[in-house]
Amino acid sequence: MKKMENSFAVTGFVGKDASIHQFTTASVARFSLAISRNEKNGDENSRTSAFMNVEAWRKNENTSSFDRLVKGALLTVEGYFKPEEWQDAEGVKHNRVILVATKFYEAV
């Protein structure tokens, strides 16, 4: 039987310096990652880009890797997808998918 797995690996450029928030025992870095791909339409090639929201959690004593999360850094990010759902003040439901990074490193 085939097994479903919630995981991803993607390479892209950090869109802006990470926003880092520290809590009692852990810290989270939130940043955007610009990813792109080539699309071919007949003889014409075009590049399609998107910015993905990423968050990375680390224990407070292990946040040195957050130093890599600066605008323009080319990183490979591995992790899983986390759906979020909320309701705004007007009662409208919203949802989005966040990429949770379990690993990130300089792309080669």
PDB file of N, CA and C in Angstrom:
ATOM      1  N   MET A   1       0.838  -1.173   0.000  1.00  0.00           N
ATOM      2  CA  MET A   1       0.000   0.000   0.000  1.00  0.00           C
ATOM      3  C   MET A   1       0.890   1.246   0.000  1.00  0.00           C
ATOM      4  N   LYS A   2       0.528   2.218  -0.819  1.00  0.00           N
ATOM      5  CA  LYS A   2       1.287   3.461  -0.881  1.00  0.00           C
ATOM      6  C   LYS A   2       0.999   4.313   0.341  1.00  0.00           C
ATOM      7  N   LYS A   3       2.025   5.039   0.759  1.00  0.00           N
ATOM      8  CA  LYS A   3       1.910   5.878   1.939  1.00  0.00           C
ATOM      9  C   LYS A   3       1.892   7.350   1.527  1.00  0.00           C
ATOM     10  N   MET A   4       0.954   8.120   2.071  1.00  0.00           N
ATOM     11  CA  MET A   4       0.922   9.561   1.825  1.00  0.00           C
ATOM     12  C   MET A   4       1.860  10.232   2.810  1.00  0.00           C
ATOM     13  N   GLU A   5       2.567  11.244   2.331  1.00  0.00           N
ATOM     14  CA  GLU A   5       3.468  11.962   3.215  1.00  0.00           C
ATOM     15  C   GLU A   5       3.346  13.457   2.963  1.00  0.00           C
ATOM     16  N   ASN A   6       3.259  14.214   4.018  1.00  0.00           N
ATOM     17  CA  ASN A   6       3.168  15.667   3.946  1.00  0.00           C
ATOM     18  C   ASN A   6       4.584  16.224   4.042  1.00  0.00           C
ATOM     19  N   SER A   7       5.229  16.428   2.897  1.00  0.00           N
ATOM     20  CA  SER A   7       6.592  16.957   2.907  1.00  0.00           C
ATOM     21  C   SER A   7       6.880  17.700   1.615  1.00  0.00           C
ATOM     22  N   PHE A   8       7.887  18.566   1.667  1.00  0.00           N
ATOM     23  CA  PHE A   8       8.303  19.306   0.483  1.00  0.00           C
ATOM     24  C   PHE A   8       9.791  19.602   0.569  1.00  0.00           C
ATOM     25  N   ALA A   9      10.379  19.895  -0.570  1.00  0.00           N
ATOM     26  CA  ALA A   9      11.735  20.432  -0.683  1.00  0.00           C
ATOM     27  C   ALA A   9      11.692  21.422  -1.832  1.00  0.00           C
ATOM     28  N   VAL A  10      12.128  22.643  -1.590  1.00  0.00           N
ATOM     29  CA  VAL A  10      12.064  23.693  -2.603  1.00  0.00           C
ATOM     30  C   VAL A  10      13.275  24.605  -2.449  1.00  0.00           C
ATOM     31  N   THR A  11      13.724  25.156  -3.564  1.00  0.00           N
ATOM     32  CA  THR A  11      14.854  26.083  -3.553  1.00  0.00           C
ATOM     33  C   THR A  11      14.384  27.435  -4.062  1.00  0.00           C
ATOM     34  N   GLY A  12      14.774  28.484  -3.358  1.00  0.00           N
ATOM     35  CA  GLY A  12      14.386  29.827  -3.764  1.00  0.00           C
ATOM     36  C   GLY A  12      15.168  30.883  -3.011  1.00  0.00           C
ATOM     37  N   PHE A  13      14.832  32.129  -3.287  1.00  0.00           N
ATOM     38  CA  PHE A  13      15.496  33.267  -2.660  1.00  0.00           C
ATOM     39  C   PHE A  13      14.648  33.813  -1.518  1.00  0.00           C
ATOM     40  N   VAL A  14      15.294  34.127  -0.391  1.00  0.00           N
ATOM     41  CA  VAL A  14      14.598  34.752   0.728  1.00  0.00           C
ATOM     42  C   VAL A  14      14.138  36.135   0.270  1.00  0.00           C
ATOM     43  N   GLY A  15      12.842  36.429   0.448  1.00  0.00           N
ATOM     44  CA  GLY A  15      12.260  37.676  -0.048  1.00  0.00           C
ATOM     45  C   GLY A  15      12.613  38.891   0.783  1.00  0.00           C
ATOM     46  N   LYS A  16      12.710  38.728   2.094  1.00  0.00           N
ATOM     47  CA  LYS A  16      13.128  39.808   2.992  1.00  0.00           C
ATOM     48  C   LYS A  16      13.657  39.164   4.265  1.00  0.00           C
ATOM     49  N   ASP A  17      14.409  39.933   5.040  1.00  0.00           N
ATOM     50  CA  ASP A  17      14.969  39.394   6.276  1.00  0.00           C
ATOM     51  C   ASP A  17      13.852  38.785   7.130  1.00  0.00           C
ATOM     52  N   ALA A  18      14.175  37.681   7.780  1.00  0.00           N
ATOM     53  CA  ALA A  18      13.185  36.982   8.597  1.00  0.00           C
ATOM     54  C   ALA A  18      12.747  37.835   9.784  1.00  0.00           C
ATOM     55  N   SER A  19      11.491  37.673  10.148  1.00  0.00           N
ATOM     56  CA  SER A  19      10.941  38.265  11.362  1.00  0.00           C
ATOM     57  C   SER A  19      11.046  37.188  12.442  1.00  0.00           C
ATOM     58  N   ILE A  20      11.792  37.465  13.504  1.00  0.00           N
ATOM     59  CA  ILE A  20      12.054  36.453  14.529  1.00  0.00           C
ATOM     60  C   ILE A  20      11.341  36.841  15.816  1.00  0.00           C
ATOM     61  N   HIS A  21      10.590  35.885  16.363  1.00  0.00           N
ATOM     62  CA  HIS A  21       9.867  36.091  17.616  1.00  0.00           C
ATOM     63  C   HIS A  21      10.321  35.033  18.610  1.00  0.00           C
ATOM     64  N   GLN A  22      10.670  35.479  19.812  1.00  0.00           N
ATOM     65  CA  GLN A  22      11.159  34.567  20.841  1.00  0.00           C
ATOM     66  C   GLN A  22      10.075  34.347  21.892  1.00  0.00           C
ATOM     67  N   PHE A  23       9.893  33.077  22.258  1.00  0.00           N
ATOM     68  CA  PHE A  23       8.950  32.696  23.297  1.00  0.00           C
ATOM     69  C   PHE A  23       9.737  32.084  24.457  1.00  0.00           C
ATOM     70  N   THR A  24       9.067  31.523  25.427  1.00  0.00           N
ATOM     71  CA  THR A  24       9.733  31.011  26.618  1.00  0.00           C
ATOM     72  C   THR A  24      10.806  29.978  26.301  1.00  0.00           C
ATOM     73  N   THR A  25      10.481  28.974  25.506  1.00  0.00           N
ATOM     74  CA  THR A  25      11.447  27.901  25.230  1.00  0.00           C
ATOM     75  C   THR A  25      11.842  27.777  23.773  1.00  0.00           C
ATOM     76  N   ALA A  26      11.148  28.474  22.889  1.00  0.00           N
ATOM     77  CA  ALA A  26      11.424  28.330  21.452  1.00  0.00           C
ATOM     78  C   ALA A  26      11.277  29.672  20.747  1.00  0.00           C
ATOM     79  N   SER A  27      11.831  29.727  19.542  1.00  0.00           N
ATOM     80  CA  SER A  27      11.723  30.920  18.701  1.00  0.00           C
ATOM     81  C   SER A  27      11.223  30.509  17.330  1.00  0.00           C
ATOM     82  N   VAL A  28      10.547  31.443  16.665  1.00  0.00           N
ATOM     83  CA  VAL A  28      10.064  31.195  15.310  1.00  0.00           C
ATOM     84  C   VAL A  28      10.602  32.290  14.400  1.00  0.00           C
ATOM     85  N   ALA A  29      11.057  31.883  13.233  1.00  0.00           N
ATOM     86  CA  ALA A  29      11.471  32.822  12.191  1.00  0.00           C
ATOM     87  C   ALA A  29      10.457  32.701  11.067  1.00  0.00           C
ATOM     88  N   ARG A  30       9.887  33.824  10.678  1.00  0.00           N
ATOM     89  CA  ARG A  30       8.922  33.841   9.570  1.00  0.00           C
ATOM     90  C   ARG A  30       9.535  34.644   8.432  1.00  0.00           C
ATOM     91  N   PHE A  31       9.475  34.071   7.227  1.00  0.00           N
ATOM     92  CA  PHE A  31      10.068  34.731   6.068  1.00  0.00           C
ATOM     93  C   PHE A  31       9.357  34.278   4.807  1.00  0.00           C
ATOM     94  N   SER A  32       9.575  35.016   3.728  1.00  0.00           N
ATOM     95  CA  SER A  32       9.010  34.617   2.442  1.00  0.00           C
ATOM     96  C   SER A  32      10.126  34.044   1.584  1.00  0.00           C
ATOM     97  N   LEU A  33       9.756  33.109   0.736  1.00  0.00           N
ATOM     98  CA  LEU A  33      10.702  32.470  -0.173  1.00  0.00           C
ATOM     99  C   LEU A  33      10.161  32.625  -1.588  1.00  0.00           C
ATOM    100  N   ALA A  34      10.959  33.246  -2.453  1.00  0.00           N
ATOM    101  CA  ALA A  34      10.564  33.429  -3.852  1.00  0.00           C
ATOM    102  C   ALA A  34      10.982  32.193  -4.632  1.00  0.00           C
ATOM    103  N   ILE A  35      10.005  31.528  -5.214  1.00  0.00           N
ATOM    104  CA  ILE A  35      10.289  30.341  -6.018  1.00  0.00           C
ATOM    105  C   ILE A  35       9.778  30.592  -7.429  1.00  0.00           C
ATOM    106  N   SER A  36      10.398  29.951  -8.388  1.00  0.00           N
ATOM    107  CA  SER A  36       9.962  30.156  -9.771  1.00  0.00           C
ATOM    108  C   SER A  36      10.178  28.890 -10.581  1.00  0.00           C
ATOM    109  N   ARG A  37       9.558  28.886 -11.739  1.00  0.00           N
ATOM    110  CA  ARG A  37       9.729  27.770 -12.665  1.00  0.00           C
ATOM    111  C   ARG A  37       9.523  28.288 -14.077  1.00  0.00           C
ATOM    112  N   ASN A  38      10.088  27.568 -15.020  1.00  0.00           N
ATOM    113  CA  ASN A  38       9.921  27.921 -16.429  1.00  0.00           C
ATOM    114  C   ASN A  38       8.664  27.264 -16.967  1.00  0.00           C
ATOM    115  N   GLU A  39       7.929  28.005 -17.768  1.00  0.00           N
ATOM    116  CA  GLU A  39       6.758  27.462 -18.452  1.00  0.00           C
ATOM    117  C   GLU A  39       6.954  27.657 -19.939  1.00  0.00           C
ATOM    118  N   LYS A  40       6.577  26.653 -20.704  1.00  0.00           N
ATOM    119  CA  LYS A  40       6.700  26.738 -22.152  1.00  0.00           C
ATOM    120  C   LYS A  40       5.302  26.738 -22.752  1.00  0.00           C
ATOM    121  N   ASN A  41       5.044  27.723 -23.611  1.00  0.00           N
ATOM    122  CA  ASN A  41       3.775  27.827 -24.309  1.00  0.00           C
ATOM    123  C   ASN A  41       4.110  27.927 -25.793  1.00  0.00           C
ATOM    124  N   GLY A  42       4.080  26.797 -26.463  1.00  0.00           N
ATOM    125  CA  GLY A  42       4.500  26.766 -27.863  1.00  0.00           C
ATOM    126  C   GLY A  42       5.997  26.996 -27.938  1.00  0.00           C
ATOM    127  N   ASP A  43       6.406  28.014 -28.688  1.00  0.00           N
ATOM    128  CA  ASP A  43       7.824  28.349 -28.806  1.00  0.00           C
ATOM    129  C   ASP A  43       8.271  29.365 -27.758  1.00  0.00           C
ATOM    130  N   GLU A  44       7.346  29.837 -26.967  1.00  0.00           N
ATOM    131  CA  GLU A  44       7.652  30.903 -26.018  1.00  0.00           C
ATOM    132  C   GLU A  44       7.901  30.342 -24.618  1.00  0.00           C
ATOM    133  N   ASN A  45       8.991  30.790 -23.982  1.00  0.00           N
ATOM    134  CA  ASN A  45       9.298  30.427 -22.601  1.00  0.00           C
ATOM    135  C   ASN A  45       9.012  31.615 -21.699  1.00  0.00           C
ATOM    136  N   SER A  46       8.462  31.342 -20.547  1.00  0.00           N
ATOM    137  CA  SER A  46       8.259  32.406 -19.563  1.00  0.00           C
ATOM    138  C   SER A  46       8.565  31.850 -18.179  1.00  0.00           C
ATOM    139  N   ARG A  47       8.882  32.742 -17.272  1.00  0.00           N
ATOM    140  CA  ARG A  47       9.209  32.357 -15.903  1.00  0.00           C
ATOM    141  C   ARG A  47       8.069  32.814 -14.995  1.00  0.00           C
ATOM    142  N   THR A  48       7.520  31.894 -14.231  1.00  0.00           N
ATOM    143  CA  THR A  48       6.447  32.191 -13.293  1.00  0.00           C
ATOM    144  C   THR A  48       7.010  32.129 -11.884  1.00  0.00           C
ATOM    145  N   SER A  49       6.764  33.171 -11.097  1.00  0.00           N
ATOM    146  CA  SER A  49       7.298  33.236  -9.734  1.00  0.00           C
ATOM    147  C   SER A  49       6.171  33.362  -8.725  1.00  0.00           C
ATOM    148  N   ALA A  50       6.459  32.943  -7.507  1.00  0.00           N
ATOM    149  CA  ALA A  50       5.510  33.071  -6.405  1.00  0.00           C
ATOM    150  C   ALA A  50       6.294  33.235  -5.112  1.00  0.00           C
ATOM    151  N   PHE A  51       5.709  33.953  -4.168  1.00  0.00           N
ATOM    152  CA  PHE A  51       6.300  34.085  -2.844  1.00  0.00           C
ATOM    153  C   PHE A  51       5.527  33.180  -1.893  1.00  0.00           C
ATOM    154  N   MET A  52       6.244  32.320  -1.192  1.00  0.00           N
ATOM    155  CA  MET A  52       5.639  31.388  -0.247  1.00  0.00           C
ATOM    156  C   MET A  52       5.971  31.836   1.177  1.00  0.00           C
ATOM    157  N   ASN A  53       4.999  31.721   2.087  1.00  0.00           N
ATOM    158  CA  ASN A  53       5.241  32.033   3.500  1.00  0.00           C
ATOM    159  C   ASN A  53       5.835  30.809   4.181  1.00  0.00           C
ATOM    160  N   VAL A  54       6.939  31.029   4.888  1.00  0.00           N
ATOM    161  CA  VAL A  54       7.648  29.932   5.554  1.00  0.00           C
ATOM    162  C   VAL A  54       7.844  30.302   7.019  1.00  0.00           C
ATOM    163  N   GLU A  55       7.762  29.305   7.892  1.00  0.00           N
ATOM    164  CA  GLU A  55       8.138  29.525   9.283  1.00  0.00           C
ATOM    165  C   GLU A  55       9.035  28.385   9.735  1.00  0.00           C
ATOM    166  N   ALA A  56      10.003  28.731  10.577  1.00  0.00           N
ATOM    167  CA  ALA A  56      10.946  27.745  11.109  1.00  0.00           C
ATOM    168  C   ALA A  56      10.997  27.912  12.622  1.00  0.00           C
ATOM    169  N   TRP A  57      10.805  26.820  13.341  1.00  0.00           N
ATOM    170  CA  TRP A  57      10.835  26.835  14.807  1.00  0.00           C
ATOM    171  C   TRP A  57      12.124  26.194  15.289  1.00  0.00           C
ATOM    172  N   ARG A  58      12.741  26.786  16.294  1.00  0.00           N
ATOM    173  CA  ARG A  58      13.944  26.233  16.918  1.00  0.00           C
ATOM    174  C   ARG A  58      13.874  26.495  18.417  1.00  0.00           C
ATOM    175  N   LYS A  59      14.531  25.612  19.193  1.00  0.00           N
ATOM    176  CA  LYS A  59      14.681  25.874  20.620  1.00  0.00           C
ATOM    177  C   LYS A  59      15.554  27.111  20.771  1.00  0.00           C
ATOM    178  N   ASN A  60      15.335  27.883  21.822  1.00  0.00           N
ATOM    179  CA  ASN A  60      16.038  29.158  21.981  1.00  0.00           C
ATOM    180  C   ASN A  60      17.550  29.025  21.975  1.00  0.00           C
ATOM    181  N   GLU A  61      18.082  27.922  22.452  1.00  0.00           N
ATOM    182  CA  GLU A  61      19.536  27.748  22.481  1.00  0.00           C
ATOM    183  C   GLU A  61      20.095  27.321  21.126  1.00  0.00           C
ATOM    184  N   ASN A  62      19.234  27.175  20.123  1.00  0.00           N
ATOM    185  CA  ASN A  62      19.670  26.663  18.822  1.00  0.00           C
ATOM    186  C   ASN A  62      19.147  27.529  17.669  1.00  0.00           C
ATOM    187  N   THR A  63      19.253  28.845  17.793  1.00  0.00           N
ATOM    188  CA  THR A  63      18.703  29.727  16.761  1.00  0.00           C
ATOM    189  C   THR A  63      19.765  30.326  15.841  1.00  0.00           C
ATOM    190  N   SER A  64      21.005  29.876  15.934  1.00  0.00           N
ATOM    191  CA  SER A  64      22.068  30.464  15.105  1.00  0.00           C
ATOM    192  C   SER A  64      21.789  30.293  13.610  1.00  0.00           C
ATOM    193  N   SER A  65      21.053  29.252  13.230  1.00  0.00           N
ATOM    194  CA  SER A  65      20.747  29.042  11.810  1.00  0.00           C
ATOM    195  C   SER A  65      19.863  30.156  11.250  1.00  0.00           C
ATOM    196  N   PHE A  66      19.162  30.888  12.109  1.00  0.00           N
ATOM    197  CA  PHE A  66      18.318  31.992  11.654  1.00  0.00           C
ATOM    198  C   PHE A  66      19.145  33.102  10.996  1.00  0.00           C
ATOM    199  N   ASP A  67      20.453  33.147  11.281  1.00  0.00           N
ATOM    200  CA  ASP A  67      21.320  34.166  10.677  1.00  0.00           C
ATOM    201  C   ASP A  67      21.353  34.063   9.156  1.00  0.00           C
ATOM    202  N   ARG A  68      21.027  32.909   8.600  1.00  0.00           N
ATOM    203  CA  ARG A  68      21.024  32.706   7.141  1.00  0.00           C
ATOM    204  C   ARG A  68      19.796  33.292   6.456  1.00  0.00           C
ATOM    205  N   LEU A  69      18.792  33.647   7.233  1.00  0.00           N
ATOM    206  CA  LEU A  69      17.504  34.060   6.671  1.00  0.00           C
ATOM    207  C   LEU A  69      17.491  35.550   6.364  1.00  0.00           C
ATOM    208  N   VAL A  70      18.328  35.948   5.402  1.00  0.00           N
ATOM    209  CA  VAL A  70      18.435  37.350   5.008  1.00  0.00           C
ATOM    210  C   VAL A  70      18.016  37.499   3.548  1.00  0.00           C
ATOM    211  N   LYS A  71      17.493  38.669   3.229  1.00  0.00           N
ATOM    212  CA  LYS A  71      17.012  38.947   1.874  1.00  0.00           C
ATOM    213  C   LYS A  71      18.074  38.589   0.839  1.00  0.00           C
ATOM    214  N   GLY A  72      17.643  37.840  -0.176  1.00  0.00           N
ATOM    215  CA  GLY A  72      18.524  37.486  -1.286  1.00  0.00           C
ATOM    216  C   GLY A  72      19.272  36.180  -1.134  1.00  0.00           C
ATOM    217  N   ALA A  73      19.254  35.587   0.060  1.00  0.00           N
ATOM    218  CA  ALA A  73      19.959  34.313   0.260  1.00  0.00           C
ATOM    219  C   ALA A  73      19.257  33.213  -0.533  1.00  0.00           C
ATOM    220  N   LEU A  74      20.035  32.412  -1.253  1.00  0.00           N
ATOM    221  CA  LEU A  74      19.484  31.285  -2.014  1.00  0.00           C
ATOM    222  C   LEU A  74      19.533  30.053  -1.123  1.00  0.00           C
ATOM    223  N   LEU A  75      18.358  29.540  -0.755  1.00  0.00           N
ATOM    224  CA  LEU A  75      18.259  28.430   0.188  1.00  0.00           C
ATOM    225  C   LEU A  75      17.443  27.283  -0.382  1.00  0.00           C
ATOM    226  N   THR A  76      17.780  26.095   0.062  1.00  0.00           N
ATOM    227  CA  THR A  76      16.909  24.938  -0.111  1.00  0.00           C
ATOM    228  C   THR A  76      16.220  24.730   1.225  1.00  0.00           C
ATOM    229  N   VAL A  77      14.905  24.609   1.185  1.00  0.00           N
ATOM    230  CA  VAL A  77      14.097  24.461   2.392  1.00  0.00           C
ATOM    231  C   VAL A  77      13.360  23.133   2.311  1.00  0.00           C
ATOM    232  N   GLU A  78      13.411  22.362   3.395  1.00  0.00           N
ATOM    233  CA  GLU A  78      12.672  21.100   3.499  1.00  0.00           C
ATOM    234  C   GLU A  78      11.731  21.201   4.684  1.00  0.00           C
ATOM    235  N   GLY A  79      10.572  20.566   4.571  1.00  0.00           N
ATOM    236  CA  GLY A  79       9.646  20.609   5.684  1.00  0.00           C
ATOM    237  C   GLY A  79       8.302  20.012   5.343  1.00  0.00           C
ATOM    238  N   TYR A  80       7.253  20.564   5.965  1.00  0.00           N
ATOM    239  CA  TYR A  80       5.898  20.059   5.754  1.00  0.00           C
ATOM    240  C   TYR A  80       4.923  21.230   5.639  1.00  0.00           C
ATOM    241  N   PHE A  81       3.746  20.936   5.113  1.00  0.00           N
ATOM    242  CA  PHE A  81       2.697  21.938   4.923  1.00  0.00           C
ATOM    243  C   PHE A  81       1.788  21.981   6.150  1.00  0.00           C
ATOM    244  N   LYS A  82       1.452  23.204   6.613  1.00  0.00           N
ATOM    245  CA  LYS A  82       0.564  23.361   7.763  1.00  0.00           C
ATOM    246  C   LYS A  82      -0.610  24.252   7.365  1.00  0.00           C
ATOM    247  N   PRO A  83      -1.823  23.691   7.305  1.00  0.00           N
ATOM    248  CA  PRO A  83      -2.986  24.527   6.994  1.00  0.00           C
ATOM    249  C   PRO A  83      -3.385  25.368   8.207  1.00  0.00           C
ATOM    250  N   GLU A  84      -3.800  26.601   7.948  1.00  0.00           N
ATOM    251  CA  GLU A  84      -4.295  27.483   9.006  1.00  0.00           C
ATOM    252  C   GLU A  84      -5.662  28.003   8.592  1.00  0.00           C
ATOM    253  N   GLU A  85      -6.544  28.118   9.556  1.00  0.00           N
ATOM    254  CA  GLU A  85      -7.886  28.642   9.309  1.00  0.00           C
ATOM    255  C   GLU A  85      -8.244  29.597  10.436  1.00  0.00           C
ATOM    256  N   TRP A  86      -8.854  30.736  10.098  1.00  0.00           N
ATOM    257  CA  TRP A  86      -9.262  31.697  11.106  1.00  0.00           C
ATOM    258  C   TRP A  86     -10.472  32.475  10.611  1.00  0.00           C
ATOM    259  N   GLN A  87     -11.078  33.167  11.548  1.00  0.00           N
ATOM    260  CA  GLN A  87     -12.254  33.977  11.245  1.00  0.00           C
ATOM    261  C   GLN A  87     -11.926  35.416  11.621  1.00  0.00           C
ATOM    262  N   ASP A  88     -12.183  36.361  10.713  1.00  0.00           N
ATOM    263  CA  ASP A  88     -11.869  37.760  11.006  1.00  0.00           C
ATOM    264  C   ASP A  88     -13.002  38.406  11.809  1.00  0.00           C
ATOM    265  N   ALA A  89     -12.829  39.683  12.136  1.00  0.00           N
ATOM    266  CA  ALA A  89     -13.793  40.405  12.976  1.00  0.00           C
ATOM    267  C   ALA A  89     -15.186  40.480  12.355  1.00  0.00           C
ATOM    268  N   GLU A  90     -15.254  40.414  11.014  1.00  0.00           N
ATOM    269  CA  GLU A  90     -16.552  40.451  10.331  1.00  0.00           C
ATOM    270  C   GLU A  90     -17.170  39.065  10.189  1.00  0.00           C
ATOM    271  N   GLY A  91     -16.513  38.045  10.706  1.00  0.00           N
ATOM    272  CA  GLY A  91     -17.042  36.691  10.634  1.00  0.00           C
ATOM    273  C   GLY A  91     -16.678  35.929   9.371  1.00  0.00           C
ATOM    274  N   VAL A  92     -15.821  36.512   8.533  1.00  0.00           N
ATOM    275  CA  VAL A  92     -15.414  35.849   7.292  1.00  0.00           C
ATOM    276  C   VAL A  92     -14.306  34.844   7.595  1.00  0.00           C
ATOM    277  N   LYS A  93     -14.492  33.619   7.099  1.00  0.00           N
ATOM    278  CA  LYS A  93     -13.478  32.582   7.303  1.00  0.00           C
ATOM    279  C   LYS A  93     -12.378  32.709   6.256  1.00  0.00           C
ATOM    280  N   HIS A  94     -11.149  32.531   6.696  1.00  0.00           N
ATOM    281  CA  HIS A  94      -9.981  32.579   5.819  1.00  0.00           C
ATOM    282  C   HIS A  94      -9.163  31.318   6.038  1.00  0.00           C
ATOM    283  N   ASN A  95      -8.392  30.961   5.027  1.00  0.00           N
ATOM    284  CA  ASN A  95      -7.459  29.856   5.212  1.00  0.00           C
ATOM    285  C   ASN A  95      -6.247  30.076   4.333  1.00  0.00           C
ATOM    286  N   ARG A  96      -5.150  29.442   4.723  1.00  0.00           N
ATOM    287  CA  ARG A  96      -3.902  29.504   3.969  1.00  0.00           C
ATOM    288  C   ARG A  96      -3.057  28.304   4.354  1.00  0.00           C
ATOM    289  N   VAL A  97      -2.039  28.075   3.579  1.00  0.00           N
ATOM    290  CA  VAL A  97      -1.103  26.991   3.867  1.00  0.00           C
ATOM    291  C   VAL A  97       0.260  27.614   4.119  1.00  0.00           C
ATOM    292  N   ILE A  98       0.854  27.263   5.239  1.00  0.00           N
ATOM    293  CA  ILE A  98       2.193  27.727   5.612  1.00  0.00           C
ATOM    294  C   ILE A  98       3.169  26.580   5.375  1.00  0.00           C
ATOM    295  N   LEU A  99       4.342  26.911   4.865  1.00  0.00           N
ATOM    296  CA  LEU A  99       5.411  25.921   4.744  1.00  0.00           C
ATOM    297  C   LEU A  99       6.220  25.977   6.037  1.00  0.00           C
ATOM    298  N   VAL A 100       6.263  24.879   6.767  1.00  0.00           N
ATOM    299  CA  VAL A 100       7.041  24.812   8.004  1.00  0.00           C
ATOM    300  C   VAL A 100       8.377  24.164   7.674  1.00  0.00           C
ATOM    301  N   ALA A 101       9.453  24.914   7.877  1.00  0.00           N
ATOM    302  CA  ALA A 101      10.795  24.439   7.536  1.00  0.00           C
ATOM    303  C   ALA A 101      11.376  23.632   8.686  1.00  0.00           C
ATOM    304  N   THR A 102      11.661  22.374   8.423  1.00  0.00           N
ATOM    305  CA  THR A 102      12.369  21.563   9.409  1.00  0.00           C
ATOM    306  C   THR A 102      13.871  21.627   9.169  1.00  0.00           C
ATOM    307  N   LYS A 103      14.256  21.967   7.925  1.00  0.00           N
ATOM    308  CA  LYS A 103      15.662  22.131   7.541  1.00  0.00           C
ATOM    309  C   LYS A 103      15.745  23.231   6.508  1.00  0.00           C
ATOM    310  N   PHE A 104      16.819  24.002   6.558  1.00  0.00           N
ATOM    311  CA  PHE A 104      17.125  24.922   5.461  1.00  0.00           C
ATOM    312  C   PHE A 104      18.632  25.101   5.410  1.00  0.00           C
ATOM    313  N   TYR A 105      19.128  25.209   4.186  1.00  0.00           N
ATOM    314  CA  TYR A 105      20.574  25.288   3.986  1.00  0.00           C
ATOM    315  C   TYR A 105      20.860  25.986   2.672  1.00  0.00           C
ATOM    316  N   GLU A 106      22.104  26.479   2.539  1.00  0.00           N
ATOM    317  CA  GLU A 106      22.496  27.173   1.315  1.00  0.00           C
ATOM    318  C   GLU A 106      22.382  26.228   0.138  1.00  0.00           C
ATOM    319  N   ALA A 107      21.757  26.700  -0.923  1.00  0.00           N
ATOM    320  CA  ALA A 107      21.598  25.885  -2.134  1.00  0.00           C
ATOM    321  C   ALA A 107      22.927  25.844  -2.877  1.00  0.00           C
ATOM    322  N   VAL A 108      23.191  24.708  -3.477  1.00  0.00           N
ATOM    323  CA  VAL A 108      24.432  24.554  -4.261  1.00  0.00           C
ATOM    324  C   VAL A 108      24.119  24.349  -5.715  1.00  0.00           C
TER     325      VAL A 108
END
